[in-house]
Amino acid sequence: MTDSHRLPPGQWIAPLERFGLPTFAPRKVVPPARPVVTVSGDVRHAAQFEIADLMGGLPRHDQRGDINCVTTWSALDLPWSGVRLRDVVERLAAQVEPDSGARWLRLTGLDGYWTCLRIDDATADEVLLADQLDGKPLPPAHGAPVRVVASAHYGYKSVKHLVGVDFLRRYAAGPAGWKGHPRARVAEEERSRLLPGAFWRRVWRPTLPILRRAYRKND
């Protein structure tokens, strides 16, 4: 299958660069020497785990996955390596005992960005907690020390520099606010919870060069 056939509707191929909401362009992350993940929310026991302990002993997976940005660019067939987020969530749940009604995960990055993924979406087979890209440790620009890779969802669900996981009973919109979608499935073109995906293509594509410049200026 060629790249053009793999492209979702309204996307075009672009290189993987540091990118996100314009507010976060100046927020360059320096990963700590001993990174940790804090786990809280609707749980019986809040806890904190060193990432090395959180991922240690879990089966590793190498897989290729895409980043499809809601602003219409896609970086295809990227070689990621890490552990399944499902395995991490199961390990966390055994420790913190989430409320039986928890249906969402709030994922927070060291840069302050956060988003929500439905737990069944977050624990799909293909969703990784990745610590390597192209056989090398993740660089800070792409999410060091670990990031979520959820290729079936628009890129704003794939949080970089993961430092927080909250089990929630209810969906909570992140910094994208009303412009985001609770599930953001690429196949359904769920770019936003308001108005069809094709409408947002026309909104985002003209602004994309401006957003790219904002990030390149701060690199």
Protein backbone atom coordinates (compact mmCIF):
# COMPACT_ATOMS: atom_id res chain seq x y z
CA MET A 1 0.00 0.00 0.00
CA THR A 2 1.44 3.38 -0.96
CA ASP A 3 1.60 6.36 1.37
CA SER A 4 -1.04 8.19 -0.68
CA HIS A 5 -3.46 5.29 -0.22
CA ARG A 6 -2.78 5.19 3.51
CA LEU A 7 -3.43 8.88 4.06
CA PRO A 8 -6.68 9.60 5.89
CA PRO A 9 -9.10 12.09 4.34
CA GLY A 10 -7.82 15.65 4.27
CA GLN A 11 -4.22 14.81 5.32
CA TRP A 12 -0.91 15.45 3.57
CA ILE A 13 2.52 13.93 4.24
CA ALA A 14 4.98 16.01 6.25
CA PRO A 15 8.10 15.33 8.33
CA LEU A 16 7.73 14.76 12.06
CA GLU A 17 8.58 18.00 13.86
CA ARG A 18 7.91 19.38 17.33
CA PHE A 19 4.35 20.65 17.11
CA GLY A 20 1.22 21.37 19.13
CA LEU A 21 -1.00 24.18 20.34
CA PRO A 22 0.66 27.59 19.94
CA THR A 23 0.63 28.17 23.71
CA PHE A 24 3.08 25.31 24.13
CA ALA A 25 5.59 26.37 21.46
CA PRO A 26 7.94 28.11 23.96
CA ARG A 27 7.73 25.25 26.49
CA LYS A 28 10.78 23.14 25.75
CA VAL A 29 11.11 20.16 28.07
CA VAL A 30 14.26 19.00 29.84
CA PRO A 31 13.57 15.43 31.01
CA PRO A 32 14.47 14.77 34.67
CA ALA A 33 17.21 12.30 35.55
CA ARG A 34 14.70 9.98 37.29
CA PRO A 35 11.34 10.59 35.61
CA VAL A 36 8.17 9.64 37.47
CA VAL A 37 4.47 9.31 36.69
CA THR A 38 1.90 10.47 39.25
CA VAL A 39 -1.36 8.50 39.25
CA SER A 40 -4.49 10.02 40.77
CA GLY A 41 -8.10 10.96 39.99
CA ASP A 42 -11.06 8.79 40.95
CA VAL A 43 -8.93 6.17 42.70
CA ARG A 44 -8.67 4.68 46.17
CA HIS A 45 -4.91 5.27 46.48
CA ALA A 46 -3.01 7.99 44.62
CA ALA A 47 0.56 6.92 43.89
CA GLN A 48 3.78 7.83 42.11
CA PHE A 49 5.96 5.49 40.08
CA GLU A 50 9.37 5.82 38.52
CA ILE A 51 9.01 5.20 34.81
CA ALA A 52 11.74 2.57 34.89
CA ASP A 53 9.74 0.61 37.47
CA LEU A 54 6.45 1.23 35.69
CA MET A 55 7.70 -0.23 32.40
CA GLY A 56 10.15 -2.75 33.82
CA GLY A 57 9.40 -6.39 33.12
CA LEU A 58 6.57 -5.67 30.67
CA PRO A 59 6.76 -7.17 27.16
CA ARG A 60 8.32 -4.78 24.67
CA HIS A 61 6.86 -4.15 21.24
CA ASP A 62 8.35 -2.65 18.10
CA GLN A 63 5.75 -1.33 15.72
CA ARG A 64 5.25 1.21 13.02
CA GLY A 65 2.61 3.84 13.55
CA ASP A 66 1.50 7.17 12.16
CA ILE A 67 1.04 10.59 13.70
CA ASN A 68 -1.99 12.22 12.10
CA CYS A 69 -2.30 15.81 13.26
CA VAL A 70 -5.75 17.38 13.36
CA THR A 71 -4.26 20.36 11.48
CA THR A 72 -4.06 18.10 8.37
CA TRP A 73 -0.42 16.86 8.28
CA SER A 74 0.64 13.24 8.74
CA ALA A 75 4.00 11.58 9.46
CA LEU A 76 3.64 7.96 8.33
CA ASP A 77 5.19 4.63 9.21
CA LEU A 78 7.28 5.82 12.16
CA PRO A 79 9.23 3.02 13.95
CA TRP A 80 8.30 3.19 17.65
CA SER A 81 9.34 0.92 20.49
CA GLY A 82 7.94 0.60 23.99
CA VAL A 83 5.34 -1.27 25.99
CA ARG A 84 1.61 -1.51 25.46
CA LEU A 85 -0.23 1.20 27.35
CA ARG A 86 -2.78 -1.47 28.23
CA ASP A 87 -0.16 -3.35 30.25
CA VAL A 88 0.82 -0.16 32.06
CA VAL A 89 -2.80 0.71 32.84
CA GLU A 90 -3.42 -2.77 34.23
CA ARG A 91 -0.33 -2.45 36.43
CA LEU A 92 -1.46 0.97 37.66
CA ALA A 93 -5.04 -0.13 38.31
CA ALA A 94 -3.85 -2.97 40.52
CA GLN A 95 -2.01 -0.44 42.68
CA VAL A 96 -4.36 2.56 42.83
CA GLU A 97 -7.75 0.76 42.61
CA PRO A 98 -9.75 3.09 40.34
CA ASP A 99 -13.44 3.71 40.92
CA SER A 100 -15.62 1.11 39.22
CA GLY A 101 -17.20 3.90 37.18
CA ALA A 102 -13.90 5.24 35.79
CA ARG A 103 -14.14 5.27 32.01
CA TRP A 104 -11.50 7.85 31.03
CA LEU A 105 -7.78 8.44 31.40
CA ARG A 106 -6.44 11.96 31.71
CA LEU A 107 -2.88 11.95 30.39
CA THR A 108 -0.60 14.85 31.32
CA GLY A 109 2.78 15.83 29.93
CA LEU A 110 5.69 17.61 31.58
CA ASP A 111 5.00 20.67 29.41
CA GLY A 112 1.57 21.01 31.03
CA TYR A 113 -0.43 19.72 28.08
CA TRP A 114 -3.07 17.11 28.85
CA THR A 115 -5.89 15.25 27.16
CA CYS A 116 -8.43 12.51 27.86
CA LEU A 117 -8.65 9.12 26.20
CA ARG A 118 -11.48 6.70 26.78
CA ILE A 119 -10.03 3.73 28.64
CA ASP A 120 -11.08 1.23 25.98
CA ASP A 121 -9.36 3.40 23.36
CA ALA A 122 -6.23 3.79 25.49
CA THR A 123 -5.97 0.05 26.07
CA ALA A 124 -6.33 -1.02 22.43
CA ASP A 125 -3.58 -3.37 21.24
CA GLU A 126 -1.81 -0.80 19.05
CA VAL A 127 -1.47 1.97 21.67
CA LEU A 128 2.08 2.22 22.98
CA LEU A 129 3.87 3.93 25.80
CA ALA A 130 6.96 4.54 23.69
CA ASP A 131 10.48 5.32 24.85
CA GLN A 132 12.26 4.87 21.51
CA LEU A 133 11.88 6.20 17.99
CA ASP A 134 13.84 4.72 15.07
CA GLY A 135 15.80 2.50 17.44
CA LYS A 136 17.04 5.39 19.61
CA PRO A 137 15.82 6.95 22.88
CA LEU A 138 13.10 9.51 22.26
CA PRO A 139 14.52 13.01 21.79
CA PRO A 140 12.93 15.81 23.84
CA ALA A 141 11.28 17.23 20.72
CA HIS A 142 9.24 14.07 20.29
CA GLY A 143 8.29 13.23 23.84
CA ALA A 144 11.25 12.12 25.97
CA PRO A 145 11.42 10.24 28.19
CA VAL A 146 8.14 8.47 27.28
CA ARG A 147 5.08 9.35 25.24
CA VAL A 148 1.77 7.86 24.22
CA VAL A 149 1.44 6.74 20.60
CA ALA A 150 -2.22 6.24 19.66
CA SER A 151 -2.14 6.15 15.86
CA ALA A 152 -5.87 5.50 15.45
CA HIS A 153 -6.54 8.90 17.03
CA TYR A 154 -5.53 12.42 16.07
CA GLY A 155 -2.16 13.49 17.41
CA TYR A 156 -3.53 15.60 20.24
CA LYS A 157 -4.36 12.35 22.06
CA SER A 158 -0.73 11.13 21.92
CA VAL A 159 0.64 13.01 24.93
CA LYS A 160 4.40 13.62 25.04
CA HIS A 161 6.64 13.64 28.14
CA LEU A 162 4.10 11.66 30.16
CA VAL A 163 4.14 12.53 33.89
CA GLY A 164 0.52 12.08 34.98
CA VAL A 165 -2.28 9.52 34.61
CA ASP A 166 -5.67 10.15 36.21
CA PHE A 167 -8.54 7.68 36.17
CA LEU A 168 -11.76 9.68 35.70
CA ARG A 169 -15.46 8.91 35.75
CA ARG A 170 -16.22 11.73 33.31
CA TYR A 171 -14.56 13.16 30.23
CA ALA A 172 -12.61 16.37 30.79
CA ALA A 173 -11.60 18.47 27.80
CA GLY A 174 -7.93 19.44 27.78
CA PRO A 175 -6.37 22.71 26.60
CA ALA A 176 -7.93 22.16 23.16
CA GLY A 177 -11.31 22.72 24.85
CA TRP A 178 -14.36 22.62 22.60
CA LYS A 179 -12.11 22.32 19.53
CA GLY A 180 -11.14 18.79 20.58
CA HIS A 181 -13.17 15.59 20.41
CA PRO A 182 -13.58 13.06 23.24
CA ARG A 183 -12.41 10.19 21.02
CA ALA A 184 -10.73 11.90 18.03
CA ARG A 185 -10.72 8.78 15.85
CA VAL A 186 -8.94 9.39 12.56
CA ALA A 187 -11.07 6.87 10.64
CA GLU A 188 -14.21 8.76 11.66
CA GLU A 189 -12.55 12.16 11.04
CA GLU A 190 -13.46 13.27 14.56
CA ARG A 191 -11.37 16.43 14.44
CA SER A 192 -13.70 18.24 16.85
CA ARG A 193 -16.90 17.57 18.73
CA LEU A 194 -18.47 20.51 16.87
CA LEU A 195 -19.05 20.60 13.09
CA PRO A 196 -17.90 17.98 10.55
CA GLY A 197 -14.25 17.09 10.05
CA ALA A 198 -14.23 18.47 6.50
CA PHE A 199 -15.09 21.91 7.89
CA TRP A 200 -12.05 21.81 10.19
CA ARG A 201 -9.77 20.89 7.31
CA ARG A 202 -10.57 24.25 5.75
CA VAL A 203 -9.99 26.02 9.05
CA TRP A 204 -6.70 24.37 9.98
CA ARG A 205 -4.87 24.11 6.67
CA PRO A 206 -4.35 27.88 6.15
CA THR A 207 -3.16 28.28 9.75
CA LEU A 208 -0.71 25.39 9.63
CA PRO A 209 2.27 27.39 8.28
CA ILE A 210 1.80 29.93 11.08
CA LEU A 211 1.81 27.19 13.71
CA ARG A 212 4.87 25.55 12.16
CA ARG A 213 6.76 28.85 12.28
CA ALA A 214 5.88 29.35 15.94
CA TYR A 215 7.50 26.03 16.84
CA ARG A 216 10.51 26.42 14.57
CA LYS A 217 11.15 29.87 16.05
CA ASN A 218 11.43 28.30 19.50
CA ASP A 219 13.61 25.33 18.48
